[in-house]
Structure formats: C-alpha cells, structure tokens
C-alpha cells in the first residue's frame, strides 16, 4: 500500500466493535506490512496499528 492511501480492514480481520465504515490512512509501509492510523479522529495522538497488507483493502 502507498502512503496516504485510505483503507479499511477486511471483514475476516475486523474487530467486533468496528464497522465496515471504519477507515484508516496508511502512514508507513514496510514491504508486506503497513502502519495504519484511524482516519477522522480528533485525539491528539491518533490510534495506530501495524497490520499485514493482506488484512486491509482500499476503501
């Protein structure tokens, strides 16, 4: 995934408290994994996750 790409977590990898409308922005790509940040979040430190690229798809 390229930096700045808006993505969502695929259905099979999504947490139960997340919806399909939860969007993330790719902040870093390390080959087969990406660091994603929650989009449209007003917190000073936005939540991030490191995921395998096969776990996400473009929104």
PDB file of N, CA and C in Angstrom:
ATOM      1  N   UNK A   1       0.840  -1.187   0.000  1.00  0.00           N
ATOM      2  CA  UNK A   1       0.000   0.000   0.000  1.00  0.00           C
ATOM      3  C   UNK A   1       0.882   1.246   0.000  1.00  0.00           C
ATOM      4  N   UNK A   2       0.430   2.259  -0.692  1.00  0.00           N
ATOM      5  CA  UNK A   2       1.168   3.525  -0.753  1.00  0.00           C
ATOM      6  C   UNK A   2       0.802   4.411   0.434  1.00  0.00           C
ATOM      7  N   UNK A   3       1.713   5.272   0.812  1.00  0.00           N
ATOM      8  CA  UNK A   3       1.467   6.218   1.892  1.00  0.00           C
ATOM      9  C   UNK A   3       0.286   7.114   1.541  1.00  0.00           C
ATOM     10  N   UNK A   4      -0.574   7.363   2.509  1.00  0.00           N
ATOM     11  CA  UNK A   4      -1.724   8.225   2.299  1.00  0.00           C
ATOM     12  C   UNK A   4      -2.955   7.526   1.758  1.00  0.00           C
ATOM     13  N   UNK A   5      -2.840   6.256   1.391  1.00  0.00           N
ATOM     14  CA  UNK A   5      -3.984   5.510   0.870  1.00  0.00           C
ATOM     15  C   UNK A   5      -5.006   5.302   1.984  1.00  0.00           C
ATOM     16  N   UNK A   6      -6.273   5.518   1.686  1.00  0.00           N
ATOM     17  CA  UNK A   6      -7.347   5.285   2.659  1.00  0.00           C
ATOM     18  C   UNK A   6      -7.776   3.835   2.516  1.00  0.00           C
ATOM     19  N   UNK A   7      -7.770   3.121   3.640  1.00  0.00           N
ATOM     20  CA  UNK A   7      -8.055   1.691   3.635  1.00  0.00           C
ATOM     21  C   UNK A   7      -9.056   1.328   4.732  1.00  0.00           C
ATOM     22  N   UNK A   8      -9.554   0.111   4.649  1.00  0.00           N
ATOM     23  CA  UNK A   8     -10.351  -0.466   5.729  1.00  0.00           C
ATOM     24  C   UNK A   8      -9.865  -1.889   5.951  1.00  0.00           C
ATOM     25  N   UNK A   9     -10.129  -2.400   7.128  1.00  0.00           N
ATOM     26  CA  UNK A   9      -9.715  -3.752   7.464  1.00  0.00           C
ATOM     27  C   UNK A   9     -10.719  -4.728   6.858  1.00  0.00           C
ATOM     28  N   UNK A  10     -10.230  -5.782   6.246  1.00  0.00           N
ATOM     29  CA  UNK A  10     -11.111  -6.781   5.626  1.00  0.00           C
ATOM     30  C   UNK A  10     -12.018  -7.426   6.682  1.00  0.00           C
ATOM     31  N   UNK A  11     -13.182  -7.881   6.242  1.00  0.00           N
ATOM     32  CA  UNK A  11     -14.199  -8.439   7.138  1.00  0.00           C
ATOM     33  C   UNK A  11     -13.649  -9.501   8.079  1.00  0.00           C
ATOM     34  N   UNK A  12     -12.848 -10.428   7.562  1.00  0.00           N
ATOM     35  CA  UNK A  12     -12.382 -11.550   8.376  1.00  0.00           C
ATOM     36  C   UNK A  12     -11.363 -11.146   9.447  1.00  0.00           C
ATOM     37  N   UNK A  13     -10.798  -9.935   9.358  1.00  0.00           N
ATOM     38  CA  UNK A  13      -9.785  -9.470  10.315  1.00  0.00           C
ATOM     39  C   UNK A  13     -10.290  -8.346  11.207  1.00  0.00           C
ATOM     40  N   UNK A  14     -11.504  -7.898  10.995  1.00  0.00           N
ATOM     41  CA  UNK A  14     -12.067  -6.754  11.717  1.00  0.00           C
ATOM     42  C   UNK A  14     -12.477  -7.146  13.138  1.00  0.00           C
ATOM     43  N   UNK A  15     -12.205  -6.252  14.095  1.00  0.00           N
ATOM     44  CA  UNK A  15     -12.647  -6.451  15.475  1.00  0.00           C
ATOM     45  C   UNK A  15     -14.167  -6.344  15.544  1.00  0.00           C
ATOM     46  N   UNK A  16     -14.797  -7.012  16.510  1.00  0.00           N
ATOM     47  CA  UNK A  16     -16.252  -6.954  16.616  1.00  0.00           C
ATOM     48  C   UNK A  16     -16.802  -5.544  16.846  1.00  0.00           C
ATOM     49  N   UNK A  17     -16.032  -4.658  17.467  1.00  0.00           N
ATOM     50  CA  UNK A  17     -16.534  -3.308  17.740  1.00  0.00           C
ATOM     51  C   UNK A  17     -16.316  -2.342  16.580  1.00  0.00           C
ATOM     52  N   UNK A  18     -15.711  -2.806  15.495  1.00  0.00           N
ATOM     53  CA  UNK A  18     -15.502  -1.971  14.317  1.00  0.00           C
ATOM     54  C   UNK A  18     -16.577  -2.257  13.274  1.00  0.00           C
ATOM     55  N   UNK A  19     -16.887  -1.238  12.496  1.00  0.00           N
ATOM     56  CA  UNK A  19     -17.831  -1.426  11.400  1.00  0.00           C
ATOM     57  C   UNK A  19     -17.055  -1.411  10.089  1.00  0.00           C
ATOM     58  N   UNK A  20     -17.742  -1.735   9.017  1.00  0.00           N
ATOM     59  CA  UNK A  20     -17.082  -1.700   7.710  1.00  0.00           C
ATOM     60  C   UNK A  20     -16.796  -0.268   7.274  1.00  0.00           C
ATOM     61  N   UNK A  21     -17.381   0.696   7.974  1.00  0.00           N
ATOM     62  CA  UNK A  21     -17.161   2.102   7.644  1.00  0.00           C
ATOM     63  C   UNK A  21     -15.993   2.720   8.410  1.00  0.00           C
ATOM     64  N   UNK A  22     -15.302   1.949   9.249  1.00  0.00           N
ATOM     65  CA  UNK A  22     -14.141   2.451   9.969  1.00  0.00           C
ATOM     66  C   UNK A  22     -12.976   2.548   8.983  1.00  0.00           C
ATOM     67  N   UNK A  23     -12.473   3.759   8.801  1.00  0.00           N
ATOM     68  CA  UNK A  23     -11.436   3.988   7.796  1.00  0.00           C
ATOM     69  C   UNK A  23     -10.104   4.342   8.451  1.00  0.00           C
ATOM     70  N   UNK A  24      -9.033   3.997   7.759  1.00  0.00           N
ATOM     71  CA  UNK A  24      -7.670   4.237   8.218  1.00  0.00           C
ATOM     72  C   UNK A  24      -6.870   4.858   7.085  1.00  0.00           C
ATOM     73  N   UNK A  25      -5.759   5.505   7.437  1.00  0.00           N
ATOM     74  CA  UNK A  25      -4.830   6.072   6.464  1.00  0.00           C
ATOM     75  C   UNK A  25      -3.499   5.362   6.638  1.00  0.00           C
ATOM     76  N   UNK A  26      -2.887   4.939   5.526  1.00  0.00           N
ATOM     77  CA  UNK A  26      -1.580   4.286   5.584  1.00  0.00           C
ATOM     78  C   UNK A  26      -0.528   5.355   5.884  1.00  0.00           C
ATOM     79  N   UNK A  27       0.179   5.193   7.004  1.00  0.00           N
ATOM     80  CA  UNK A  27       1.203   6.146   7.425  1.00  0.00           C
ATOM     81  C   UNK A  27       2.611   5.654   7.112  1.00  0.00           C
ATOM     82  N   UNK A  28       2.782   4.342   6.999  1.00  0.00           N
ATOM     83  CA  UNK A  28       4.110   3.772   6.738  1.00  0.00           C
ATOM     84  C   UNK A  28       3.909   2.410   6.093  1.00  0.00           C
ATOM     85  N   UNK A  29       4.769   2.088   5.125  1.00  0.00           N
ATOM     86  CA  UNK A  29       4.707   0.774   4.501  1.00  0.00           C
ATOM     87  C   UNK A  29       6.075   0.128   4.601  1.00  0.00           C
ATOM     88  N   UNK A  30       6.094  -1.114   5.086  1.00  0.00           N
ATOM     89  CA  UNK A  30       7.344  -1.842   5.289  1.00  0.00           C
ATOM     90  C   UNK A  30       7.373  -3.119   4.454  1.00  0.00           C
ATOM     91  N   UNK A  31       7.002  -3.017   3.203  1.00  0.00           N
ATOM     92  CA  UNK A  31       7.025  -4.172   2.317  1.00  0.00           C
ATOM     93  C   UNK A  31       5.752  -4.981   2.401  1.00  0.00           C
ATOM     94  N   UNK A  32       5.664  -5.896   3.367  1.00  0.00           N
ATOM     95  CA  UNK A  32       4.484  -6.759   3.487  1.00  0.00           C
ATOM     96  C   UNK A  32       3.560  -6.345   4.614  1.00  0.00           C
ATOM     97  N   UNK A  33       3.874  -5.253   5.303  1.00  0.00           N
ATOM     98  CA  UNK A  33       3.010  -4.780   6.384  1.00  0.00           C
ATOM     99  C   UNK A  33       2.952  -3.255   6.349  1.00  0.00           C
ATOM    100  N   UNK A  34       1.885  -2.724   6.933  1.00  0.00           N
ATOM    101  CA  UNK A  34       1.680  -1.274   6.932  1.00  0.00           C
ATOM    102  C   UNK A  34       1.296  -0.798   8.323  1.00  0.00           C
ATOM    103  N   UNK A  35       1.676   0.431   8.629  1.00  0.00           N
ATOM    104  CA  UNK A  35       1.207   1.101   9.838  1.00  0.00           C
ATOM    105  C   UNK A  35       0.041   1.964   9.400  1.00  0.00           C
ATOM    106  N   UNK A  36      -1.127   1.732  10.011  1.00  0.00           N
ATOM    107  CA  UNK A  36      -2.319   2.480   9.641  1.00  0.00           C
ATOM    108  C   UNK A  36      -2.789   3.306  10.832  1.00  0.00           C
ATOM    109  N   UNK A  37      -3.371   4.457  10.538  1.00  0.00           N
ATOM    110  CA  UNK A  37      -3.841   5.388  11.557  1.00  0.00           C
ATOM    111  C   UNK A  37      -5.322   5.642  11.348  1.00  0.00           C
ATOM    112  N   UNK A  38      -6.075   5.674  12.430  1.00  0.00           N
ATOM    113  CA  UNK A  38      -7.516   5.907  12.360  1.00  0.00           C
ATOM    114  C   UNK A  38      -7.790   7.258  11.716  1.00  0.00           C
ATOM    115  N   UNK A  39      -8.650   7.263  10.702  1.00  0.00           N
ATOM    116  CA  UNK A  39      -8.977   8.496   9.969  1.00  0.00           C
ATOM    117  C   UNK A  39     -10.095   9.232  10.710  1.00  0.00           C
ATOM    118  N   UNK A  40     -10.121  10.540  10.588  1.00  0.00           N
ATOM    119  CA  UNK A  40     -11.164  11.389  11.188  1.00  0.00           C
ATOM    120  C   UNK A  40     -11.257  11.211  12.698  1.00  0.00           C
ATOM    121  N   UNK A  41     -10.127  11.173  13.349  1.00  0.00           N
ATOM    122  CA  UNK A  41     -10.060  11.045  14.798  1.00  0.00           C
ATOM    123  C   UNK A  41      -9.549  12.374  15.358  1.00  0.00           C
ATOM    124  N   UNK A  42     -10.202  12.887  16.401  1.00  0.00           N
ATOM    125  CA  UNK A  42      -9.842  14.189  16.963  1.00  0.00           C
ATOM    126  C   UNK A  42      -8.884  14.108  18.143  1.00  0.00           C
ATOM    127  N   UNK A  43      -8.413  12.928  18.483  1.00  0.00           N
ATOM    128  CA  UNK A  43      -7.484  12.791  19.601  1.00  0.00           C
ATOM    129  C   UNK A  43      -6.121  13.367  19.239  1.00  0.00           C
ATOM    130  N   UNK A  44      -5.387  13.900  20.213  1.00  0.00           N
ATOM    131  CA  UNK A  44      -4.056  14.442  19.909  1.00  0.00           C
ATOM    132  C   UNK A  44      -3.093  13.366  19.405  1.00  0.00           C
ATOM    133  N   UNK A  45      -3.156  12.181  19.962  1.00  0.00           N
ATOM    134  CA  UNK A  45      -2.374  11.040  19.486  1.00  0.00           C
ATOM    135  C   UNK A  45      -3.344  10.045  18.878  1.00  0.00           C
ATOM    136  N   UNK A  46      -3.354   9.973  17.570  1.00  0.00           N
ATOM    137  CA  UNK A  46      -4.306   9.096  16.888  1.00  0.00           C
ATOM    138  C   UNK A  46      -3.889   7.635  17.038  1.00  0.00           C
ATOM    139  N   UNK A  47      -4.876   6.738  17.240  1.00  0.00           N
ATOM    140  CA  UNK A  47      -4.570   5.317  17.356  1.00  0.00           C
ATOM    141  C   UNK A  47      -3.968   4.767  16.064  1.00  0.00           C
ATOM    142  N   UNK A  48      -2.930   3.945  16.190  1.00  0.00           N
ATOM    143  CA  UNK A  48      -2.308   3.302  15.036  1.00  0.00           C
ATOM    144  C   UNK A  48      -2.254   1.799  15.258  1.00  0.00           C
ATOM    145  N   UNK A  49      -2.139   1.069  14.157  1.00  0.00           N
ATOM    146  CA  UNK A  49      -2.000  -0.382  14.181  1.00  0.00           C
ATOM    147  C   UNK A  49      -0.992  -0.776  13.108  1.00  0.00           C
ATOM    148  N   UNK A  50      -0.284  -1.862  13.359  1.00  0.00           N
ATOM    149  CA  UNK A  50       0.556  -2.456  12.329  1.00  0.00           C
ATOM    150  C   UNK A  50      -0.142  -3.723  11.869  1.00  0.00           C
ATOM    151  N   UNK A  51      -0.402  -3.810  10.563  1.00  0.00           N
ATOM    152  CA  UNK A  51      -1.139  -4.946  10.005  1.00  0.00           C
ATOM    153  C   UNK A  51      -0.416  -5.479   8.779  1.00  0.00           C
ATOM    154  N   UNK A  52      -0.635  -6.747   8.483  1.00  0.00           N
ATOM    155  CA  UNK A  52      -0.150  -7.329   7.241  1.00  0.00           C
ATOM    156  C   UNK A  52      -0.974  -6.756   6.090  1.00  0.00           C
ATOM    157  N   UNK A  53      -0.366  -6.552   4.942  1.00  0.00           N
ATOM    158  CA  UNK A  53      -1.072  -5.942   3.818  1.00  0.00           C
ATOM    159  C   UNK A  53      -2.275  -6.773   3.344  1.00  0.00           C
ATOM    160  N   UNK A  54      -2.258  -8.087   3.532  1.00  0.00           N
ATOM    161  CA  UNK A  54      -3.397  -8.899   3.109  1.00  0.00           C
ATOM    162  C   UNK A  54      -4.608  -8.706   4.027  1.00  0.00           C
ATOM    163  N   UNK A  55      -4.440  -8.023   5.152  1.00  0.00           N
ATOM    164  CA  UNK A  55      -5.533  -7.792   6.099  1.00  0.00           C
ATOM    165  C   UNK A  55      -6.333  -6.535   5.785  1.00  0.00           C
ATOM    166  N   UNK A  56      -5.856  -5.701   4.844  1.00  0.00           N
ATOM    167  CA  UNK A  56      -6.525  -4.448   4.524  1.00  0.00           C
ATOM    168  C   UNK A  56      -6.843  -4.372   3.033  1.00  0.00           C
ATOM    169  N   UNK A  57      -7.782  -3.472   2.718  1.00  0.00           N
ATOM    170  CA  UNK A  57      -8.141  -3.227   1.326  1.00  0.00           C
ATOM    171  C   UNK A  57      -8.446  -1.745   1.154  1.00  0.00           C
ATOM    172  N   UNK A  58      -8.289  -1.239  -0.062  1.00  0.00           N
ATOM    173  CA  UNK A  58      -8.587   0.162  -0.314  1.00  0.00           C
ATOM    174  C   UNK A  58     -10.064   0.437  -0.119  1.00  0.00           C
ATOM    175  N   UNK A  59     -10.354   1.582   0.446  1.00  0.00           N
ATOM    176  CA  UNK A  59     -11.753   1.941   0.715  1.00  0.00           C
ATOM    177  C   UNK A  59     -12.372   2.619  -0.488  1.00  0.00           C
TER     178      UNK A  59
END
